[in-house]
Amino acid sequence: MNSILYIVAVILIIGWALGVFVYSVTGLIHVLLIIALIAVILGLIRRPTAI
């Protein structure tokens, strides 16, 4: 499940980069970036720690 969050985050970040640099669509692209950042943060928080 953790790797799925990272895959989704990477896809959303790529979509954001393409939108900003190629299409210059700002509203939807920034929403995608925020969703990607939330996915990464949730992945870091939910990561099990082995002690």
Protein backbone atom coordinates (compact mmCIF):
# COMPACT_ATOMS: atom_id res chain seq x y z
CA MET A 1 0.00 0.00 0.00
CA ASN A 2 2.90 2.33 0.73
CA SER A 3 4.35 1.98 -2.77
CA ILE A 4 0.96 2.76 -4.32
CA LEU A 5 0.94 6.14 -2.54
CA TYR A 6 4.38 6.93 -3.94
CA ILE A 7 3.36 5.89 -7.46
CA VAL A 8 0.27 8.12 -7.27
CA ALA A 9 2.37 10.98 -5.90
CA VAL A 10 4.93 10.65 -8.70
CA ILE A 11 2.22 10.54 -11.36
CA LEU A 12 0.57 13.65 -9.91
CA ILE A 13 3.87 15.52 -9.69
CA ILE A 14 4.65 14.64 -13.32
CA GLY A 15 1.17 15.82 -14.29
CA TRP A 16 1.74 19.05 -12.39
CA ALA A 17 5.09 19.65 -14.07
CA LEU A 18 3.66 18.98 -17.52
CA GLY A 19 0.72 21.26 -16.86
CA VAL A 20 2.84 24.13 -15.59
CA PHE A 21 5.54 23.97 -18.24
CA VAL A 22 3.58 22.78 -21.27
CA TYR A 23 -0.06 23.79 -20.94
CA SER A 24 0.13 26.63 -18.38
CA VAL A 25 -3.07 25.48 -16.69
CA THR A 26 -2.73 26.75 -13.14
CA GLY A 27 -5.86 25.94 -11.14
CA LEU A 28 -6.17 22.18 -11.65
CA ILE A 29 -2.42 21.65 -11.74
CA HIS A 30 -1.88 23.16 -8.30
CA VAL A 31 -4.63 20.93 -6.92
CA LEU A 32 -2.73 17.94 -8.34
CA LEU A 33 0.45 19.14 -6.64
CA ILE A 34 -1.30 19.50 -3.29
CA ILE A 35 -2.78 15.99 -3.61
CA ALA A 36 0.67 14.60 -4.45
CA LEU A 37 2.23 16.29 -1.43
CA ILE A 38 -0.51 14.96 0.84
CA ALA A 39 0.08 11.44 -0.53
CA VAL A 40 3.82 11.69 0.17
CA ILE A 41 3.26 13.04 3.69
CA LEU A 42 0.75 10.28 4.47
CA GLY A 43 3.22 7.72 3.15
CA LEU A 44 5.93 9.07 5.45
CA ILE A 45 3.63 9.17 8.46
CA ARG A 46 2.23 5.67 7.94
CA ARG A 47 5.64 4.09 7.32
CA PRO A 48 6.27 1.40 9.93
CA THR A 49 9.41 1.99 11.93
CA ALA A 50 11.60 -1.01 12.68
CA ILE A 51 13.45 -0.59 15.96
